[in-house]
Structures are given as structure tokens and as C-alpha cells.
Amino acid sequence: MKAPKILPWIAHRTGISEELALKLWRRAAGEAEVIAGCCTSSDYYRLAVERFIDYAEAEGDHSVARDAIASRTCVSWVLRHQNRISKLNLITAHSLVRLWQSNWLNFLGPQRHAF
């Protein structure tokens, strides 16, 4: 996958060189491909961009999203992590409901008699 056009802007914003940003993008894209399984979906691109921003903020001395107070702390990774954790809870609840539903339908389904 080609590097996004926003890559130089993120590099400048975080205070890293464009060469390092390109290396970080390739690393993030490779990891996202392993996780997503393909490199054509929107999930792959979202994962790649999130990982790239995380790596760029870790290597650089600034955050991509500036706070109103202009503090040096980076909390954007906490928000992304909280989003992932909340999605896991919803996936678990959905799986449990489907399991309960299938067991309930099997219980109430037609009774089979042995011959």
C-alpha cells in the first residue's frame, strides 16, 4: 500500500523526519495486514493509521492532537484503547445472546423420538 498523503504532516506535527515516518508507516501497515488478514478493507486502513499515529507519537516529542492547555502528555492512545475495550464488551455480549438464542431454540424445537 502506498503511504498516505498526510504522512509528512503527521511527521512534522510529531517532530520526526519524513524518512522515519515512512519506516513507521510500513511497520504499522505490515502489522495491520497481519491483524486484519487483508489489505483492502477499511478495518485494515483504520488499524494502519491508528498504529502509525501511535508509533509517531512514541518516537516524536509532540502529540498529533494538541490539547487546549498545551500540555506535553499524550492521552490519545488511552481513548483509542478504551474504544477497543468497549467494542470487545459488545462483541462478547452479542456472542452470549446468540448462544442463548440457539440453545433456547434447540430446547423448544421439535422433539425427536427414537425408533
PDB file of N, CA and C in Angstrom:
ATOM      1  N   MET A   1       0.842  -1.184   0.000  1.00  0.00           N
ATOM      2  CA  MET A   1       0.000   0.000   0.000  1.00  0.00           C
ATOM      3  C   MET A   1       0.881   1.239   0.000  1.00  0.00           C
ATOM      4  N   LYS A   2       0.459   2.221  -0.756  1.00  0.00           N
ATOM      5  CA  LYS A   2       1.204   3.477  -0.809  1.00  0.00           C
ATOM      6  C   LYS A   2       1.019   4.253   0.489  1.00  0.00           C
ATOM      7  N   ALA A   3       2.017   5.038   0.782  1.00  0.00           N
ATOM      8  CA  ALA A   3       1.957   5.857   2.001  1.00  0.00           C
ATOM      9  C   ALA A   3       0.882   6.935   1.839  1.00  0.00           C
ATOM     10  N   PRO A   4       0.166   7.258   2.909  1.00  0.00           N
ATOM     11  CA  PRO A   4      -0.871   8.283   2.809  1.00  0.00           C
ATOM     12  C   PRO A   4      -0.267   9.670   2.611  1.00  0.00           C
ATOM     13  N   LYS A   5      -1.037  10.549   2.009  1.00  0.00           N
ATOM     14  CA  LYS A   5      -0.554  11.906   1.737  1.00  0.00           C
ATOM     15  C   LYS A   5      -0.421  12.739   3.008  1.00  0.00           C
ATOM     16  N   ILE A   6      -1.041  12.290   4.079  1.00  0.00           N
ATOM     17  CA  ILE A   6      -0.982  13.021   5.342  1.00  0.00           C
ATOM     18  C   ILE A   6       0.292  12.691   6.121  1.00  0.00           C
ATOM     19  N   LEU A   7       1.083  11.748   5.634  1.00  0.00           N
ATOM     20  CA  LEU A   7       2.286  11.303   6.337  1.00  0.00           C
ATOM     21  C   LEU A   7       3.265  12.438   6.638  1.00  0.00           C
ATOM     22  N   PRO A   8       3.604  13.332   5.693  1.00  0.00           N
ATOM     23  CA  PRO A   8       4.517  14.433   6.036  1.00  0.00           C
ATOM     24  C   PRO A   8       3.943  15.379   7.092  1.00  0.00           C
ATOM     25  N   TRP A   9       2.653  15.591   7.066  1.00  0.00           N
ATOM     26  CA  TRP A   9       2.028  16.470   8.053  1.00  0.00           C
ATOM     27  C   TRP A   9       2.150  15.873   9.449  1.00  0.00           C
ATOM     28  N   ILE A  10       1.870  14.571   9.568  1.00  0.00           N
ATOM     29  CA  ILE A  10       1.990  13.911  10.875  1.00  0.00           C
ATOM     30  C   ILE A  10       3.441  13.907  11.326  1.00  0.00           C
ATOM     31  N   ALA A  11       4.374  13.691  10.394  1.00  0.00           N
ATOM     32  CA  ALA A  11       5.796  13.713  10.744  1.00  0.00           C
ATOM     33  C   ALA A  11       6.192  15.086  11.280  1.00  0.00           C
ATOM     34  N   HIS A  12       5.763  16.134  10.604  1.00  0.00           N
ATOM     35  CA  HIS A  12       6.080  17.493  11.051  1.00  0.00           C
ATOM     36  C   HIS A  12       5.419  17.787  12.397  1.00  0.00           C
ATOM     37  N   ARG A  13       4.190  17.349  12.543  1.00  0.00           N
ATOM     38  CA  ARG A  13       3.426  17.621  13.760  1.00  0.00           C
ATOM     39  C   ARG A  13       4.027  16.934  14.988  1.00  0.00           C
ATOM     40  N   THR A  14       4.551  15.716  14.806  1.00  0.00           N
ATOM     41  CA  THR A  14       5.123  14.980  15.938  1.00  0.00           C
ATOM     42  C   THR A  14       6.603  15.259  16.126  1.00  0.00           C
ATOM     43  N   GLY A  15       7.242  15.900  15.152  1.00  0.00           N
ATOM     44  CA  GLY A  15       8.646  16.259  15.292  1.00  0.00           C
ATOM     45  C   GLY A  15       9.615  15.170  14.872  1.00  0.00           C
ATOM     46  N   ILE A  16       9.209  14.306  13.921  1.00  0.00           N
ATOM     47  CA  ILE A  16      10.117  13.277  13.416  1.00  0.00           C
ATOM     48  C   ILE A  16      10.395  13.544  11.945  1.00  0.00           C
ATOM     49  N   SER A  17      11.417  12.886  11.408  1.00  0.00           N
ATOM     50  CA  SER A  17      11.749  13.084   9.995  1.00  0.00           C
ATOM     51  C   SER A  17      10.769  12.303   9.115  1.00  0.00           C
ATOM     52  N   GLU A  18      10.693  12.696   7.852  1.00  0.00           N
ATOM     53  CA  GLU A  18       9.793  12.007   6.927  1.00  0.00           C
ATOM     54  C   GLU A  18      10.275  10.597   6.629  1.00  0.00           C
ATOM     55  N   GLU A  19      11.592  10.379   6.655  1.00  0.00           N
ATOM     56  CA  GLU A  19      12.133   9.039   6.428  1.00  0.00           C
ATOM     57  C   GLU A  19      11.709   8.095   7.549  1.00  0.00           C
ATOM     58  N   LEU A  20      11.814   8.581   8.791  1.00  0.00           N
ATOM     59  CA  LEU A  20      11.384   7.773   9.930  1.00  0.00           C
ATOM     60  C   LEU A  20       9.880   7.544   9.876  1.00  0.00           C
ATOM     61  N   ALA A  21       9.140   8.554   9.468  1.00  0.00           N
ATOM     62  CA  ALA A  21       7.686   8.410   9.356  1.00  0.00           C
ATOM     63  C   ALA A  21       7.328   7.341   8.325  1.00  0.00           C
ATOM     64  N   LEU A  22       8.060   7.298   7.208  1.00  0.00           N
ATOM     65  CA  LEU A  22       7.801   6.282   6.191  1.00  0.00           C
ATOM     66  C   LEU A  22       8.108   4.886   6.729  1.00  0.00           C
ATOM     67  N   LYS A  23       9.196   4.744   7.493  1.00  0.00           N
ATOM     68  CA  LYS A  23       9.519   3.446   8.099  1.00  0.00           C
ATOM     69  C   LYS A  23       8.437   3.029   9.092  1.00  0.00           C
ATOM     70  N   LEU A  24       7.975   3.989   9.891  1.00  0.00           N
ATOM     71  CA  LEU A  24       6.921   3.685  10.857  1.00  0.00           C
ATOM     72  C   LEU A  24       5.619   3.308  10.153  1.00  0.00           C
ATOM     73  N   TRP A  25       5.325   3.975   9.017  1.00  0.00           N
ATOM     74  CA  TRP A  25       4.118   3.646   8.257  1.00  0.00           C
ATOM     75  C   TRP A  25       4.199   2.222   7.724  1.00  0.00           C
ATOM     76  N   ARG A  26       5.353   1.843   7.182  1.00  0.00           N
ATOM     77  CA  ARG A  26       5.499   0.479   6.655  1.00  0.00           C
ATOM     78  C   ARG A  26       5.341  -0.556   7.764  1.00  0.00           C
ATOM     79  N   ARG A  27       5.894  -0.259   8.928  1.00  0.00           N
ATOM     80  CA  ARG A  27       5.755  -1.166  10.074  1.00  0.00           C
ATOM     81  C   ARG A  27       4.291  -1.283  10.493  1.00  0.00           C
ATOM     82  N   ALA A  28       3.610  -0.152  10.602  1.00  0.00           N
ATOM     83  CA  ALA A  28       2.201  -0.150  11.004  1.00  0.00           C
ATOM     84  C   ALA A  28       1.331  -0.852   9.967  1.00  0.00           C
ATOM     85  N   ALA A  29       1.614  -0.639   8.680  1.00  0.00           N
ATOM     86  CA  ALA A  29       0.830  -1.276   7.623  1.00  0.00           C
ATOM     87  C   ALA A  29       1.032  -2.790   7.638  1.00  0.00           C
ATOM     88  N   GLY A  30       2.260  -3.239   7.874  1.00  0.00           N
ATOM     89  CA  GLY A  30       2.521  -4.675   7.951  1.00  0.00           C
ATOM     90  C   GLY A  30       1.797  -5.329   9.116  1.00  0.00           C
ATOM     91  N   GLU A  31       1.827  -4.681  10.272  1.00  0.00           N
ATOM     92  CA  GLU A  31       1.136  -5.228  11.439  1.00  0.00           C
ATOM     93  C   GLU A  31      -0.375  -5.214  11.241  1.00  0.00           C
ATOM     94  N   ALA A  32      -0.885  -4.172  10.611  1.00  0.00           N
ATOM     95  CA  ALA A  32      -2.328  -4.100  10.363  1.00  0.00           C
ATOM     96  C   ALA A  32      -2.767  -5.180   9.381  1.00  0.00           C
ATOM     97  N   GLU A  33      -1.923  -5.499   8.408  1.00  0.00           N
ATOM     98  CA  GLU A  33      -2.258  -6.554   7.451  1.00  0.00           C
ATOM     99  C   GLU A  33      -2.313  -7.912   8.141  1.00  0.00           C
ATOM    100  N   VAL A  34      -1.403  -8.135   9.078  1.00  0.00           N
ATOM    101  CA  VAL A  34      -1.416  -9.398   9.821  1.00  0.00           C
ATOM    102  C   VAL A  34      -2.680  -9.503  10.670  1.00  0.00           C
ATOM    103  N   ILE A  35      -3.070  -8.411  11.305  1.00  0.00           N
ATOM    104  CA  ILE A  35      -4.244  -8.431  12.180  1.00  0.00           C
ATOM    105  C   ILE A  35      -5.538  -8.523  11.367  1.00  0.00           C
ATOM    106  N   ALA A  36      -5.660  -7.697  10.320  1.00  0.00           N
ATOM    107  CA  ALA A  36      -6.904  -7.643   9.549  1.00  0.00           C
ATOM    108  C   ALA A  36      -7.039  -8.808   8.578  1.00  0.00           C
ATOM    109  N   GLY A  37      -5.933  -9.389   8.135  1.00  0.00           N
ATOM    110  CA  GLY A  37      -5.997 -10.517   7.223  1.00  0.00           C
ATOM    111  C   GLY A  37      -5.971 -10.134   5.759  1.00  0.00           C
ATOM    112  N   CYS A  38      -6.340  -8.929   5.422  1.00  0.00           N
ATOM    113  CA  CYS A  38      -6.279  -8.468   4.034  1.00  0.00           C
ATOM    114  C   CYS A  38      -5.899  -6.991   4.049  1.00  0.00           C
ATOM    115  N   CYS A  39      -5.490  -6.499   2.905  1.00  0.00           N
ATOM    116  CA  CYS A  39      -5.047  -5.100   2.866  1.00  0.00           C
ATOM    117  C   CYS A  39      -5.962  -4.231   2.008  1.00  0.00           C
ATOM    118  N   THR A  40      -7.216  -4.641   1.865  1.00  0.00           N
ATOM    119  CA  THR A  40      -8.138  -3.853   1.047  1.00  0.00           C
ATOM    120  C   THR A  40      -9.344  -3.344   1.826  1.00  0.00           C
ATOM    121  N   SER A  41      -9.480  -3.728   3.076  1.00  0.00           N
ATOM    122  CA  SER A  41     -10.673  -3.343   3.835  1.00  0.00           C
ATOM    123  C   SER A  41     -10.462  -2.022   4.572  1.00  0.00           C
ATOM    124  N   SER A  42     -11.550  -1.449   5.009  1.00  0.00           N
ATOM    125  CA  SER A  42     -11.466  -0.208   5.772  1.00  0.00           C
ATOM    126  C   SER A  42     -10.914  -0.464   7.170  1.00  0.00           C
ATOM    127  N   ASP A  43     -11.143  -1.670   7.710  1.00  0.00           N
ATOM    128  CA  ASP A  43     -10.571  -2.015   9.015  1.00  0.00           C
ATOM    129  C   ASP A  43      -9.046  -2.017   8.954  1.00  0.00           C
ATOM    130  N   TYR A  44      -8.503  -2.522   7.853  1.00  0.00           N
ATOM    131  CA  TYR A  44      -7.049  -2.538   7.681  1.00  0.00           C
ATOM    132  C   TYR A  44      -6.502  -1.111   7.681  1.00  0.00           C
ATOM    133  N   TYR A  45      -7.124  -0.233   6.915  1.00  0.00           N
ATOM    134  CA  TYR A  45      -6.632   1.139   6.825  1.00  0.00           C
ATOM    135  C   TYR A  45      -6.752   1.853   8.172  1.00  0.00           C
ATOM    136  N   ARG A  46      -7.861   1.634   8.882  1.00  0.00           N
ATOM    137  CA  ARG A  46      -8.049   2.246  10.202  1.00  0.00           C
ATOM    138  C   ARG A  46      -6.981   1.768  11.178  1.00  0.00           C
ATOM    139  N   LEU A  47      -6.721   0.455  11.189  1.00  0.00           N
ATOM    140  CA  LEU A  47      -5.686  -0.086  12.068  1.00  0.00           C
ATOM    141  C   LEU A  47      -4.313   0.467  11.714  1.00  0.00           C
ATOM    142  N   ALA A  48      -4.023   0.548  10.417  1.00  0.00           N
ATOM    143  CA  ALA A  48      -2.713   1.039   9.991  1.00  0.00           C
ATOM    144  C   ALA A  48      -2.509   2.492  10.415  1.00  0.00           C
ATOM    145  N   VAL A  49      -3.509   3.318  10.229  1.00  0.00           N
ATOM    146  CA  VAL A  49      -3.389   4.733  10.600  1.00  0.00           C
ATOM    147  C   VAL A  49      -3.283   4.882  12.116  1.00  0.00           C
ATOM    148  N   GLU A  50      -4.093   4.130  12.870  1.00  0.00           N
ATOM    149  CA  GLU A  50      -4.016   4.210  14.335  1.00  0.00           C
ATOM    150  C   GLU A  50      -2.644   3.799  14.840  1.00  0.00           C
ATOM    151  N   ARG A  51      -2.119   2.690  14.306  1.00  0.00           N
ATOM    152  CA  ARG A  51      -0.797   2.223  14.732  1.00  0.00           C
ATOM    153  C   ARG A  51       0.285   3.215  14.325  1.00  0.00           C
ATOM    154  N   PHE A  52       0.165   3.783  13.135  1.00  0.00           N
ATOM    155  CA  PHE A  52       1.159   4.752  12.686  1.00  0.00           C
ATOM    156  C   PHE A  52       1.171   5.975  13.599  1.00  0.00           C
ATOM    157  N   ILE A  53       0.005   6.476  13.961  1.00  0.00           N
ATOM    158  CA  ILE A  53      -0.058   7.639  14.849  1.00  0.00           C
ATOM    159  C   ILE A  53       0.525   7.294  16.215  1.00  0.00           C
ATOM    160  N   ASP A  54       0.221   6.093  16.713  1.00  0.00           N
ATOM    161  CA  ASP A  54       0.801   5.665  17.995  1.00  0.00           C
ATOM    162  C   ASP A  54       2.321   5.634  17.924  1.00  0.00           C
ATOM    163  N   TYR A  55       2.866   5.051  16.862  1.00  0.00           N
ATOM    164  CA  TYR A  55       4.325   4.963  16.710  1.00  0.00           C
ATOM    165  C   TYR A  55       4.950   6.341  16.539  1.00  0.00           C
ATOM    166  N   ALA A  56       4.300   7.207  15.751  1.00  0.00           N
ATOM    167  CA  ALA A  56       4.839   8.550  15.526  1.00  0.00           C
ATOM    168  C   ALA A  56       4.845   9.358  16.821  1.00  0.00           C
ATOM    169  N   GLU A  57       3.796   9.240  17.616  1.00  0.00           N
ATOM    170  CA  GLU A  57       3.757   9.957  18.893  1.00  0.00           C
ATOM    171  C   GLU A  57       4.780   9.403  19.870  1.00  0.00           C
ATOM    172  N   ALA A  58       5.028   8.091  19.811  1.00  0.00           N
ATOM    173  CA  ALA A  58       6.024   7.491  20.707  1.00  0.00           C
ATOM    174  C   ALA A  58       7.440   7.914  20.322  1.00  0.00           C
ATOM    175  N   GLU A  59       7.719   8.034  19.024  1.00  0.00           N
ATOM    176  CA  GLU A  59       9.052   8.416  18.561  1.00  0.00           C
ATOM    177  C   GLU A  59       9.289   9.919  18.666  1.00  0.00           C
ATOM    178  N   GLY A  60       8.254  10.689  18.412  1.00  0.00           N
ATOM    179  CA  GLY A  60       8.407  12.140  18.415  1.00  0.00           C
ATOM    180  C   GLY A  60       8.250  12.734  19.800  1.00  0.00           C
ATOM    181  N   ASP A  61       8.313  14.052  19.839  1.00  0.00           N
ATOM    182  CA  ASP A  61       8.192  14.732  21.129  1.00  0.00           C
ATOM    183  C   ASP A  61       6.898  15.532  21.245  1.00  0.00           C
ATOM    184  N   HIS A  62       5.996  15.394  20.269  1.00  0.00           N
ATOM    185  CA  HIS A  62       4.713  16.097  20.306  1.00  0.00           C
ATOM    186  C   HIS A  62       3.593  15.121  19.993  1.00  0.00           C
ATOM    187  N   SER A  63       2.386  15.522  20.345  1.00  0.00           N
ATOM    188  CA  SER A  63       1.197  14.739  20.039  1.00  0.00           C
ATOM    189  C   SER A  63       0.573  15.269  18.753  1.00  0.00           C
ATOM    190  N   VAL A  64      -0.125  14.413  18.028  1.00  0.00           N
ATOM    191  CA  VAL A  64      -0.794  14.851  16.800  1.00  0.00           C
ATOM    192  C   VAL A  64      -1.949  15.779  17.144  1.00  0.00           C
ATOM    193  N   ALA A  65      -2.739  15.417  18.135  1.00  0.00           N
ATOM    194  CA  ALA A  65      -3.856  16.260  18.576  1.00  0.00           C
ATOM    195  C   ALA A  65      -3.397  17.096  19.750  1.00  0.00           C
ATOM    196  N   ARG A  66      -3.374  18.400  19.559  1.00  0.00           N
ATOM    197  CA  ARG A  66      -2.920  19.289  20.635  1.00  0.00           C
ATOM    198  C   ARG A  66      -4.055  19.568  21.595  1.00  0.00           C
ATOM    199  N   ASP A  67      -3.722  19.586  22.874  1.00  0.00           N
ATOM    200  CA  ASP A  67      -4.714  19.895  23.903  1.00  0.00           C
ATOM    201  C   ASP A  67      -4.900  21.408  23.995  1.00  0.00           C
ATOM    202  N   ALA A  68      -6.022  21.814  24.556  1.00  0.00           N
ATOM    203  CA  ALA A  68      -6.281  23.244  24.727  1.00  0.00           C
ATOM    204  C   ALA A  68      -5.305  23.851  25.731  1.00  0.00           C
ATOM    205  N   ILE A  69      -4.879  23.068  26.698  1.00  0.00           N
ATOM    206  CA  ILE A  69      -3.949  23.552  27.714  1.00  0.00           C
ATOM    207  C   ILE A  69      -2.508  23.501  27.197  1.00  0.00           C
ATOM    208  N   ALA A  70      -2.292  22.774  26.123  1.00  0.00           N
ATOM    209  CA  ALA A  70      -0.966  22.601  25.519  1.00  0.00           C
ATOM    210  C   ALA A  70      -0.027  21.840  26.448  1.00  0.00           C
ATOM    211  N   SER A  71      -0.555  20.839  27.105  1.00  0.00           N
ATOM    212  CA  SER A  71       0.289  20.020  27.971  1.00  0.00           C
ATOM    213  C   SER A  71       1.082  19.029  27.131  1.00  0.00           C
ATOM    214  N   ARG A  72       2.158  18.496  27.684  1.00  0.00           N
ATOM    215  CA  ARG A  72       3.035  17.585  26.959  1.00  0.00           C
ATOM    216  C   ARG A  72       2.585  16.130  27.089  1.00  0.00           C
ATOM    217  N   THR A  73       1.527  15.867  27.829  1.00  0.00           N
ATOM    218  CA  THR A  73       1.076  14.491  27.986  1.00  0.00           C
ATOM    219  C   THR A  73       0.248  14.047  26.795  1.00  0.00           C
ATOM    220  N   CYS A  74       0.432  12.805  26.415  1.00  0.00           N
ATOM    221  CA  CYS A  74      -0.297  12.241  25.282  1.00  0.00           C
ATOM    222  C   CYS A  74      -1.334  11.258  25.814  1.00  0.00           C
ATOM    223  N   VAL A  75      -2.599  11.542  25.627  1.00  0.00           N
ATOM    224  CA  VAL A  75      -3.646  10.658  26.110  1.00  0.00           C
ATOM    225  C   VAL A  75      -4.485  10.094  24.973  1.00  0.00           C
ATOM    226  N   SER A  76      -4.111  10.360  23.731  1.00  0.00           N
ATOM    227  CA  SER A  76      -4.920   9.859  22.622  1.00  0.00           C
ATOM    228  C   SER A  76      -4.919   8.341  22.569  1.00  0.00           C
ATOM    229  N   TRP A  77      -3.812   7.703  22.964  1.00  0.00           N
ATOM    230  CA  TRP A  77      -3.770   6.246  22.957  1.00  0.00           C
ATOM    231  C   TRP A  77      -4.744   5.668  23.982  1.00  0.00           C
ATOM    232  N   VAL A  78      -4.985   6.374  25.073  1.00  0.00           N
ATOM    233  CA  VAL A  78      -5.925   5.891  26.086  1.00  0.00           C
ATOM    234  C   VAL A  78      -7.338   5.874  25.513  1.00  0.00           C
ATOM    235  N   LEU A  79      -7.690   6.898  24.770  1.00  0.00           N
ATOM    236  CA  LEU A  79      -9.024   6.955  24.180  1.00  0.00           C
ATOM    237  C   LEU A  79      -9.218   5.856  23.146  1.00  0.00           C
ATOM    238  N   ARG A  80      -8.199   5.608  22.314  1.00  0.00           N
ATOM    239  CA  ARG A  80      -8.298   4.531  21.331  1.00  0.00           C
ATOM    240  C   ARG A  80      -8.388   3.172  22.018  1.00  0.00           C
ATOM    241  N   HIS A  81      -7.616   2.985  23.091  1.00  0.00           N
ATOM    242  CA  HIS A  81      -7.653   1.722  23.825  1.00  0.00           C
ATOM    243  C   HIS A  81      -9.018   1.517  24.477  1.00  0.00           C
ATOM    244  N   GLN A  82      -9.585   2.567  25.047  1.00  0.00           N
ATOM    245  CA  GLN A  82     -10.907   2.474  25.658  1.00  0.00           C
ATOM    246  C   GLN A  82     -11.955   2.119  24.607  1.00  0.00           C
ATOM    247  N   ASN A  83     -11.829   2.656  23.410  1.00  0.00           N
ATOM    248  CA  ASN A  83     -12.752   2.336  22.327  1.00  0.00           C
ATOM    249  C   ASN A  83     -12.669   0.857  21.969  1.00  0.00           C
ATOM    250  N   ARG A  84     -11.439   0.326  21.863  1.00  0.00           N
ATOM    251  CA  ARG A  84     -11.268  -1.094  21.550  1.00  0.00           C
ATOM    252  C   ARG A  84     -11.863  -1.977  22.640  1.00  0.00           C
ATOM    253  N   ILE A  85     -11.625  -1.627  23.900  1.00  0.00           N
ATOM    254  CA  ILE A  85     -12.137  -2.426  25.016  1.00  0.00           C
ATOM    255  C   ILE A  85     -13.665  -2.406  25.035  1.00  0.00           C
ATOM    256  N   SER A  86     -14.280  -1.263  24.771  1.00  0.00           N
ATOM    257  CA  SER A  86     -15.744  -1.199  24.769  1.00  0.00           C
ATOM    258  C   SER A  86     -16.321  -2.035  23.632  1.00  0.00           C
ATOM    259  N   LYS A  87     -15.640  -2.084  22.486  1.00  0.00           N
ATOM    260  CA  LYS A  87     -16.114  -2.932  21.392  1.00  0.00           C
ATOM    261  C   LYS A  87     -16.017  -4.404  21.759  1.00  0.00           C
ATOM    262  N   LEU A  88     -14.979  -4.790  22.493  1.00  0.00           N
ATOM    263  CA  LEU A  88     -14.856  -6.181  22.921  1.00  0.00           C
ATOM    264  C   LEU A  88     -16.015  -6.582  23.829  1.00  0.00           C
ATOM    265  N   ASN A  89     -16.439  -5.690  24.704  1.00  0.00           N
ATOM    266  CA  ASN A  89     -17.580  -5.987  25.574  1.00  0.00           C
ATOM    267  C   ASN A  89     -18.849  -6.203  24.760  1.00  0.00           C
ATOM    268  N   LEU A  90     -19.064  -5.392  23.740  1.00  0.00           N
ATOM    269  CA  LEU A  90     -20.249  -5.554  22.902  1.00  0.00           C
ATOM    270  C   LEU A  90     -20.192  -6.847  22.104  1.00  0.00           C
ATOM    271  N   ILE A  91     -19.023  -7.211  21.612  1.00  0.00           N
ATOM    272  CA  ILE A  91     -18.874  -8.462  20.863  1.00  0.00           C
ATOM    273  C   ILE A  91     -19.162  -9.652  21.770  1.00  0.00           C
ATOM    274  N   THR A  92     -18.670  -9.608  23.001  1.00  0.00           N
ATOM    275  CA  THR A  92     -18.916 -10.691  23.955  1.00  0.00           C
ATOM    276  C   THR A  92     -20.400 -10.811  24.275  1.00  0.00           C
ATOM    277  N   ALA A  93     -21.055  -9.695  24.516  1.00  0.00           N
ATOM    278  CA  ALA A  93     -22.490  -9.722  24.814  1.00  0.00           C
ATOM    279  C   ALA A  93     -23.281 -10.262  23.630  1.00  0.00           C
ATOM    280  N   HIS A  94     -22.920  -9.867  22.425  1.00  0.00           N
ATOM    281  CA  HIS A  94     -23.600 -10.347  21.225  1.00  0.00           C
ATOM    282  C   HIS A  94     -23.427 -11.860  21.074  1.00  0.00           C
ATOM    283  N   SER A  95     -22.228 -12.360  21.323  1.00  0.00           N
ATOM    284  CA  SER A  95     -21.975 -13.801  21.224  1.00  0.00           C
ATOM    285  C   SER A  95     -22.775 -14.580  22.260  1.00  0.00           C
ATOM    286  N   LEU A  96     -22.859 -14.051  23.476  1.00  0.00           N
ATOM    287  CA  LEU A  96     -23.633 -14.729  24.517  1.00  0.00           C
ATOM    288  C   LEU A  96     -25.122 -14.766  24.179  1.00  0.00           C
ATOM    289  N   VAL A  97     -25.648 -13.696  23.626  1.00  0.00           N
ATOM    290  CA  VAL A  97     -27.062 -13.672  23.246  1.00  0.00           C
ATOM    291  C   VAL A  97     -27.326 -14.677  22.131  1.00  0.00           C
ATOM    292  N   ARG A  98     -26.429 -14.758  21.157  1.00  0.00           N
ATOM    293  CA  ARG A  98     -26.603 -15.732  20.072  1.00  0.00           C
ATOM    294  C   ARG A  98     -26.531 -17.161  20.593  1.00  0.00           C
ATOM    295  N   LEU A  99     -25.621 -17.436  21.542  1.00  0.00           N
ATOM    296  CA  LEU A  99     -25.520 -18.764  22.139  1.00  0.00           C
ATOM    297  C   LEU A  99     -26.795 -19.106  22.902  1.00  0.00           C
ATOM    298  N   TRP A 100     -27.290 -18.164  23.707  1.00  0.00           N
ATOM    299  CA  TRP A 100     -28.518 -18.386  24.452  1.00  0.00           C
ATOM    300  C   TRP A 100     -29.684 -18.640  23.501  1.00  0.00           C
ATOM    301  N   GLN A 101     -29.754 -17.858  22.427  1.00  0.00           N
ATOM    302  CA  GLN A 101     -30.847 -17.998  21.470  1.00  0.00           C
ATOM    303  C   GLN A 101     -30.800 -19.358  20.780  1.00  0.00           C
ATOM    304  N   SER A 102     -29.633 -19.798  20.356  1.00  0.00           N
ATOM    305  CA  SER A 102     -29.549 -21.095  19.677  1.00  0.00           C
ATOM    306  C   SER A 102     -29.874 -22.240  20.630  1.00  0.00           C
ATOM    307  N   ASN A 103     -29.425 -22.155  21.881  1.00  0.00           N
ATOM    308  CA  ASN A 103     -29.761 -23.199  22.853  1.00  0.00           C
ATOM    309  C   ASN A 103     -31.251 -23.213  23.161  1.00  0.00           C
ATOM    310  N   TRP A 104     -31.854 -22.044  23.264  1.00  0.00           N
ATOM    311  CA  TRP A 104     -33.280 -21.949  23.554  1.00  0.00           C
ATOM    312  C   TRP A 104     -34.103 -22.517  22.401  1.00  0.00           C
ATOM    313  N   LEU A 105     -33.708 -22.221  21.160  1.00  0.00           N
ATOM    314  CA  LEU A 105     -34.429 -22.751  20.005  1.00  0.00           C
ATOM    315  C   LEU A 105     -34.268 -24.263  19.907  1.00  0.00           C
ATOM    316  N   ASN A 106     -33.099 -24.783  20.240  1.00  0.00           N
ATOM    317  CA  ASN A 106     -32.906 -26.238  20.234  1.00  0.00           C
ATOM    318  C   ASN A 106     -33.737 -26.905  21.325  1.00  0.00           C
ATOM    319  N   PHE A 107     -33.888 -26.237  22.448  1.00  0.00           N
ATOM    320  CA  PHE A 107     -34.680 -26.784  23.549  1.00  0.00           C
ATOM    321  C   PHE A 107     -36.163 -26.817  23.195  1.00  0.00           C
ATOM    322  N   LEU A 108     -36.660 -25.762  22.553  1.00  0.00           N
ATOM    323  CA  LEU A 108     -38.076 -25.683  22.204  1.00  0.00           C
ATOM    324  C   LEU A 108     -38.397 -26.286  20.850  1.00  0.00           C
ATOM    325  N   GLY A 109     -37.390 -26.705  20.117  1.00  0.00           N
ATOM    326  CA  GLY A 109     -37.602 -27.249  18.780  1.00  0.00           C
ATOM    327  C   GLY A 109     -38.370 -28.557  18.823  1.00  0.00           C
ATOM    328  N   PRO A 110     -38.652 -29.121  17.655  1.00  0.00           N
ATOM    329  CA  PRO A 110     -39.402 -30.381  17.609  1.00  0.00           C
ATOM    330  C   PRO A 110     -38.618 -31.496  18.309  1.00  0.00           C
ATOM    331  N   GLN A 111     -39.342 -32.275  19.094  1.00  0.00           N
ATOM    332  CA  GLN A 111     -38.723 -33.383  19.817  1.00  0.00           C
ATOM    333  C   GLN A 111     -38.531 -34.557  18.864  1.00  0.00           C
ATOM    334  N   ARG A 112     -37.390 -35.158  18.926  1.00  0.00           N
ATOM    335  CA  ARG A 112     -37.100 -36.325  18.088  1.00  0.00           C
ATOM    336  C   ARG A 112     -37.255 -37.572  18.952  1.00  0.00           C
ATOM    337  N   HIS A 113     -37.958 -38.534  18.426  1.00  0.00           N
ATOM    338  CA  HIS A 113     -38.183 -39.778  19.162  1.00  0.00           C
ATOM    339  C   HIS A 113     -37.328 -40.872  18.554  1.00  0.00           C
ATOM    340  N   ALA A 114     -36.831 -41.733  19.394  1.00  0.00           N
ATOM    341  CA  ALA A 114     -36.039 -42.870  18.920  1.00  0.00           C
ATOM    342  C   ALA A 114     -36.982 -43.952  18.417  1.00  0.00           C
ATOM    343  N   PHE A 115     -36.603 -44.606  17.363  1.00  0.00           N
ATOM    344  CA  PHE A 115     -37.428 -45.683  16.810  1.00  0.00           C
ATOM    345  C   PHE A 115     -36.994 -47.004  17.345  1.00  0.00           C
TER     346      PHE A 115
END
